[in-house]
Amino acid sequence: MKQKDKEKISIPFQKLREGVILPKASKPGDAGADARISGFKKIIKNGDKKELSDIETDSYTLKPLERIACPLGFATAIPEGYYFKVVPRSGLALWEGISIVNSPGTIDSGYRNEWMAIVVNLSNKDVTLKKGDRICQIILGKMHEYKVTEVDRLPDSQRGLGGFGSTGKS
């Protein structure tokens, strides 16, 4: 069954300032919709307190291993039972070394504030970000109800207690 034959979920997006471009998929059938930078917020330390402060600029040069919050300019009312993931764009990751620190970032249905991408420069060179740049993708996910069940022993598996990397080297 094609997507156009299925019932689509309507998700309210609210633009929070002039000039914001709401996320949209680049091509039909894409899982992610590209979201764009609407501004920049830097971490300011004031004694033991940390807070985010707006940077009034149209571009920001991110140094190697530096991170910055990039507001996306919109808020949402995600229906109960769904959530969004904020994930890196593969081209930015490969070519520029730009990633999302808490990938995937999770936006719950009850969240109503402005969305942000926490961006990090993992390259060894400065990278300039500009308002309007596509910085991340958002992917809608469906919640699955589950419960945590404590047991004394887990069932066996073929892998058993092998840890990270235990399935062999490439």
C-alpha atoms as a PDB file:
ATOM      1  CA  MET A   1       0.000   0.000   0.000  1.00  0.00           C
ATOM      2  CA  LYS A   2       1.395   3.398  -0.965  1.00  0.00           C
ATOM      3  CA  GLN A   3       1.748   6.171   1.638  1.00  0.00           C
ATOM      4  CA  LYS A   4      -0.863   8.312  -0.115  1.00  0.00           C
ATOM      5  CA  ASP A   5      -3.370   5.484   0.399  1.00  0.00           C
ATOM      6  CA  LYS A   6      -2.713   5.403   4.158  1.00  0.00           C
ATOM      7  CA  GLU A   7      -4.139   7.771   6.728  1.00  0.00           C
ATOM      8  CA  LYS A   8      -1.537  10.422   7.558  1.00  0.00           C
ATOM      9  CA  ILE A   9      -1.031  11.693  11.097  1.00  0.00           C
ATOM     10  CA  SER A  10      -1.456  15.448  11.391  1.00  0.00           C
ATOM     11  CA  ILE A  11       1.111  17.081  13.669  1.00  0.00           C
ATOM     12  CA  PRO A  12       0.717  20.777  14.547  1.00  0.00           C
ATOM     13  CA  PHE A  13       3.907  22.831  14.073  1.00  0.00           C
ATOM     14  CA  GLN A  14       4.043  26.448  15.245  1.00  0.00           C
ATOM     15  CA  LYS A  15       6.568  28.877  13.760  1.00  0.00           C
ATOM     16  CA  LEU A  16       8.094  30.923  16.566  1.00  0.00           C
ATOM     17  CA  ARG A  17       9.548  33.761  14.477  1.00  0.00           C
ATOM     18  CA  GLU A  18       9.495  35.274  11.020  1.00  0.00           C
ATOM     19  CA  GLY A  19      11.364  33.499   8.252  1.00  0.00           C
ATOM     20  CA  VAL A  20      11.309  30.013   9.817  1.00  0.00           C
ATOM     21  CA  ILE A  21      11.071  27.187   7.296  1.00  0.00           C
ATOM     22  CA  LEU A  22       9.263  24.181   8.742  1.00  0.00           C
ATOM     23  CA  PRO A  23      10.892  20.750   8.300  1.00  0.00           C
ATOM     24  CA  LYS A  24      10.073  18.749   5.209  1.00  0.00           C
ATOM     25  CA  ALA A  25      11.350  15.587   3.595  1.00  0.00           C
ATOM     26  CA  SER A  26      13.670  16.145   0.625  1.00  0.00           C
ATOM     27  CA  LYS A  27      12.078  13.370  -1.429  1.00  0.00           C
ATOM     28  CA  PRO A  28       8.820  11.428  -1.191  1.00  0.00           C
ATOM     29  CA  GLY A  29       9.260   8.368   1.016  1.00  0.00           C
ATOM     30  CA  ASP A  30      12.184   9.791   3.022  1.00  0.00           C
ATOM     31  CA  ALA A  31      12.038   8.818   6.711  1.00  0.00           C
ATOM     32  CA  GLY A  32      13.554  12.102   7.887  1.00  0.00           C
ATOM     33  CA  ALA A  33      12.545  15.702   7.335  1.00  0.00           C
ATOM     34  CA  ASP A  34      15.318  18.304   7.245  1.00  0.00           C
ATOM     35  CA  ALA A  35      15.181  21.002   9.929  1.00  0.00           C
ATOM     36  CA  ARG A  36      17.028  24.320   9.625  1.00  0.00           C
ATOM     37  CA  ILE A  37      19.015  26.553  11.954  1.00  0.00           C
ATOM     38  CA  SER A  38      16.968  29.479  13.251  1.00  0.00           C
ATOM     39  CA  GLY A  39      19.586  30.878  15.652  1.00  0.00           C
ATOM     40  CA  PHE A  40      22.457  30.082  18.001  1.00  0.00           C
ATOM     41  CA  LYS A  41      22.669  29.663  21.773  1.00  0.00           C
ATOM     42  CA  LYS A  42      25.925  29.354  23.670  1.00  0.00           C
ATOM     43  CA  ILE A  43      26.487  27.886  27.129  1.00  0.00           C
ATOM     44  CA  ILE A  44      27.364  30.648  29.590  1.00  0.00           C
ATOM     45  CA  LYS A  45      28.879  29.673  32.943  1.00  0.00           C
ATOM     46  CA  ASN A  46      28.156  31.963  35.866  1.00  0.00           C
ATOM     47  CA  GLY A  47      29.775  30.440  38.939  1.00  0.00           C
ATOM     48  CA  ASP A  48      28.111  27.085  39.508  1.00  0.00           C
ATOM     49  CA  LYS A  49      25.220  27.964  37.195  1.00  0.00           C
ATOM     50  CA  LYS A  50      25.074  27.251  33.466  1.00  0.00           C
ATOM     51  CA  GLU A  51      22.555  28.807  31.125  1.00  0.00           C
ATOM     52  CA  LEU A  52      21.944  29.242  27.434  1.00  0.00           C
ATOM     53  CA  SER A  53      22.376  32.694  25.949  1.00  0.00           C
ATOM     54  CA  ASP A  54      21.265  33.837  22.483  1.00  0.00           C
ATOM     55  CA  ILE A  55      24.012  34.892  20.094  1.00  0.00           C
ATOM     56  CA  GLU A  56      22.789  37.639  17.768  1.00  0.00           C
ATOM     57  CA  THR A  57      24.454  36.610  14.508  1.00  0.00           C
ATOM     58  CA  ASP A  58      23.519  35.117  11.147  1.00  0.00           C
ATOM     59  CA  SER A  59      26.440  32.667  11.233  1.00  0.00           C
ATOM     60  CA  TYR A  60      28.632  30.979  13.804  1.00  0.00           C
ATOM     61  CA  THR A  61      32.050  29.355  13.345  1.00  0.00           C
ATOM     62  CA  LEU A  62      32.223  26.172  15.371  1.00  0.00           C
ATOM     63  CA  LYS A  63      35.741  25.201  16.410  1.00  0.00           C
ATOM     64  CA  PRO A  64      36.882  21.535  16.582  1.00  0.00           C
ATOM     65  CA  LEU A  65      35.152  19.683  19.453  1.00  0.00           C
ATOM     66  CA  GLU A  66      33.027  22.759  20.274  1.00  0.00           C
ATOM     67  CA  ARG A  67      29.275  22.388  20.669  1.00  0.00           C
ATOM     68  CA  ILE A  68      26.439  24.854  20.311  1.00  0.00           C
ATOM     69  CA  ALA A  69      22.655  24.800  20.601  1.00  0.00           C
ATOM     70  CA  CYS A  70      20.885  25.588  17.352  1.00  0.00           C
ATOM     71  CA  PRO A  71      17.230  26.579  17.868  1.00  0.00           C
ATOM     72  CA  LEU A  72      15.052  25.315  15.010  1.00  0.00           C
ATOM     73  CA  GLY A  73      12.377  28.025  15.200  1.00  0.00           C
ATOM     74  CA  PHE A  74       9.314  25.889  15.843  1.00  0.00           C
ATOM     75  CA  ALA A  75       7.375  24.078  18.540  1.00  0.00           C
ATOM     76  CA  THR A  76       5.003  21.139  18.152  1.00  0.00           C
ATOM     77  CA  ALA A  77       2.080  19.318  19.696  1.00  0.00           C
ATOM     78  CA  ILE A  78       2.974  15.692  18.969  1.00  0.00           C
ATOM     79  CA  PRO A  79       0.014  13.328  19.435  1.00  0.00           C
ATOM     80  CA  GLU A  80       0.170  11.010  22.446  1.00  0.00           C
ATOM     81  CA  GLY A  81       1.694   7.681  21.480  1.00  0.00           C
ATOM     82  CA  TYR A  82       4.297   9.285  19.184  1.00  0.00           C
ATOM     83  CA  TYR A  83       7.640  11.058  19.551  1.00  0.00           C
ATOM     84  CA  PHE A  84      10.279  12.564  17.277  1.00  0.00           C
ATOM     85  CA  LYS A  85      13.980  11.732  17.031  1.00  0.00           C
ATOM     86  CA  VAL A  86      16.462  14.514  16.152  1.00  0.00           C
ATOM     87  CA  VAL A  87      19.341  12.914  14.233  1.00  0.00           C
ATOM     88  CA  PRO A  88      22.401  14.088  12.267  1.00  0.00           C
ATOM     89  CA  ARG A  89      22.358  14.624   8.520  1.00  0.00           C
ATOM     90  CA  SER A  90      24.683  12.064   6.938  1.00  0.00           C
ATOM     91  CA  GLY A  91      26.243  14.512   4.463  1.00  0.00           C
ATOM     92  CA  LEU A  92      27.207  16.970   7.222  1.00  0.00           C
ATOM     93  CA  ALA A  93      28.612  14.121   9.294  1.00  0.00           C
ATOM     94  CA  LEU A  94      30.707  12.711   6.454  1.00  0.00           C
ATOM     95  CA  TRP A  95      31.926  15.877   4.732  1.00  0.00           C
ATOM     96  CA  GLU A  96      32.109  18.363   7.622  1.00  0.00           C
ATOM     97  CA  GLY A  97      32.336  16.232  10.782  1.00  0.00           C
ATOM     98  CA  ILE A  98      29.169  17.842  12.173  1.00  0.00           C
ATOM     99  CA  SER A  99      26.960  15.691  14.397  1.00  0.00           C
ATOM    100  CA  ILE A 100      24.221  15.894  16.999  1.00  0.00           C
ATOM    101  CA  VAL A 101      25.626  15.357  20.514  1.00  0.00           C
ATOM    102  CA  ASN A 102      22.689  13.513  22.070  1.00  0.00           C
ATOM    103  CA  SER A 103      21.784  11.549  18.967  1.00  0.00           C
ATOM    104  CA  PRO A 104      19.084  10.701  18.742  1.00  0.00           C
ATOM    105  CA  GLY A 105      17.588  13.597  20.631  1.00  0.00           C
ATOM    106  CA  THR A 106      14.077  12.700  21.769  1.00  0.00           C
ATOM    107  CA  ILE A 107      11.107  15.065  21.617  1.00  0.00           C
ATOM    108  CA  ASP A 108       8.215  13.715  23.698  1.00  0.00           C
ATOM    109  CA  SER A 109       4.540  14.342  23.011  1.00  0.00           C
ATOM    110  CA  GLY A 110       4.173  16.676  26.006  1.00  0.00           C
ATOM    111  CA  TYR A 111       7.022  19.017  24.968  1.00  0.00           C
ATOM    112  CA  ARG A 112       5.794  22.440  23.800  1.00  0.00           C
ATOM    113  CA  ASN A 113       8.952  24.583  23.822  1.00  0.00           C
ATOM    114  CA  GLU A 114      11.181  25.416  20.865  1.00  0.00           C
ATOM    115  CA  TRP A 115      13.081  22.501  19.398  1.00  0.00           C
ATOM    116  CA  MET A 116      16.893  22.688  19.340  1.00  0.00           C
ATOM    117  CA  ALA A 117      19.679  20.613  17.870  1.00  0.00           C
ATOM    118  CA  ILE A 118      22.785  20.277  20.055  1.00  0.00           C
ATOM    119  CA  VAL A 119      25.501  20.406  17.410  1.00  0.00           C
ATOM    120  CA  VAL A 120      29.151  19.355  17.761  1.00  0.00           C
ATOM    121  CA  ASN A 121      32.116  19.764  15.416  1.00  0.00           C
ATOM    122  CA  LEU A 122      33.977  16.435  15.407  1.00  0.00           C
ATOM    123  CA  SER A 123      36.379  17.509  12.660  1.00  0.00           C
ATOM    124  CA  ASN A 124      39.847  19.021  13.021  1.00  0.00           C
ATOM    125  CA  LYS A 125      38.867  22.274  11.260  1.00  0.00           C
ATOM    126  CA  ASP A 126      36.562  25.222  11.914  1.00  0.00           C
ATOM    127  CA  VAL A 127      33.094  24.833  10.371  1.00  0.00           C
ATOM    128  CA  THR A 128      30.816  27.823   9.775  1.00  0.00           C
ATOM    129  CA  LEU A 129      27.103  27.313  10.343  1.00  0.00           C
ATOM    130  CA  LYS A 130      24.532  29.778   8.988  1.00  0.00           C
ATOM    131  CA  LYS A 131      20.915  30.533   9.827  1.00  0.00           C
ATOM    132  CA  GLY A 132      18.774  28.661   7.333  1.00  0.00           C
ATOM    133  CA  ASP A 133      21.257  25.768   6.939  1.00  0.00           C
ATOM    134  CA  ARG A 134      19.766  22.291   7.103  1.00  0.00           C
ATOM    135  CA  ILE A 135      21.345  21.020  10.340  1.00  0.00           C
ATOM    136  CA  CYS A 136      19.501  17.827  11.318  1.00  0.00           C
ATOM    137  CA  GLN A 137      16.659  15.518  10.440  1.00  0.00           C
ATOM    138  CA  ILE A 138      13.566  14.773  12.449  1.00  0.00           C
ATOM    139  CA  ILE A 139      12.045  11.298  12.336  1.00  0.00           C
ATOM    140  CA  LEU A 140       8.620  10.415  13.723  1.00  0.00           C
ATOM    141  CA  GLY A 141       8.473   7.318  15.921  1.00  0.00           C
ATOM    142  CA  LYS A 142       5.623   5.365  17.470  1.00  0.00           C
ATOM    143  CA  MET A 143       5.716   4.602  21.179  1.00  0.00           C
ATOM    144  CA  HIS A 144       5.457   1.024  22.326  1.00  0.00           C
ATOM    145  CA  GLU A 145       4.150   0.423  25.820  1.00  0.00           C
ATOM    146  CA  TYR A 146       6.311  -1.905  27.865  1.00  0.00           C
ATOM    147  CA  LYS A 147       6.943  -2.863  31.423  1.00  0.00           C
ATOM    148  CA  VAL A 148      10.185  -3.699  33.194  1.00  0.00           C
ATOM    149  CA  THR A 149      10.120  -7.214  34.594  1.00  0.00           C
ATOM    150  CA  GLU A 150      12.820  -8.169  37.071  1.00  0.00           C
ATOM    151  CA  VAL A 151      14.100 -11.751  36.719  1.00  0.00           C
ATOM    152  CA  ASP A 152      16.768 -13.784  38.492  1.00  0.00           C
ATOM    153  CA  ARG A 153      18.187 -15.152  35.241  1.00  0.00           C
ATOM    154  CA  LEU A 154      17.930 -14.263  31.568  1.00  0.00           C
ATOM    155  CA  PRO A 155      17.238 -16.874  28.892  1.00  0.00           C
ATOM    156  CA  ASP A 156      20.342 -18.180  27.070  1.00  0.00           C
ATOM    157  CA  SER A 157      21.295 -16.912  23.621  1.00  0.00           C
ATOM    158  CA  GLN A 158      23.827 -17.949  20.997  1.00  0.00           C
ATOM    159  CA  ARG A 159      25.993 -14.939  21.864  1.00  0.00           C
ATOM    160  CA  GLY A 160      25.700 -15.529  25.583  1.00  0.00           C
ATOM    161  CA  LEU A 161      27.759 -13.239  27.779  1.00  0.00           C
ATOM    162  CA  GLY A 162      30.076 -12.068  24.980  1.00  0.00           C
ATOM    163  CA  GLY A 163      30.628  -8.337  25.330  1.00  0.00           C
ATOM    164  CA  PHE A 164      31.173  -5.508  22.871  1.00  0.00           C
ATOM    165  CA  GLY A 165      33.119  -6.728  19.830  1.00  0.00           C
ATOM    166  CA  SER A 166      32.615 -10.376  20.751  1.00  0.00           C
ATOM    167  CA  THR A 167      31.039 -11.287  17.408  1.00  0.00           C
ATOM    168  CA  GLY A 168      34.414 -11.070  15.661  1.00  0.00           C
ATOM    169  CA  LYS A 169      36.585  -8.689  13.719  1.00  0.00           C
ATOM    170  CA  SER A 170      35.796  -7.561  10.199  1.00  0.00           C
END
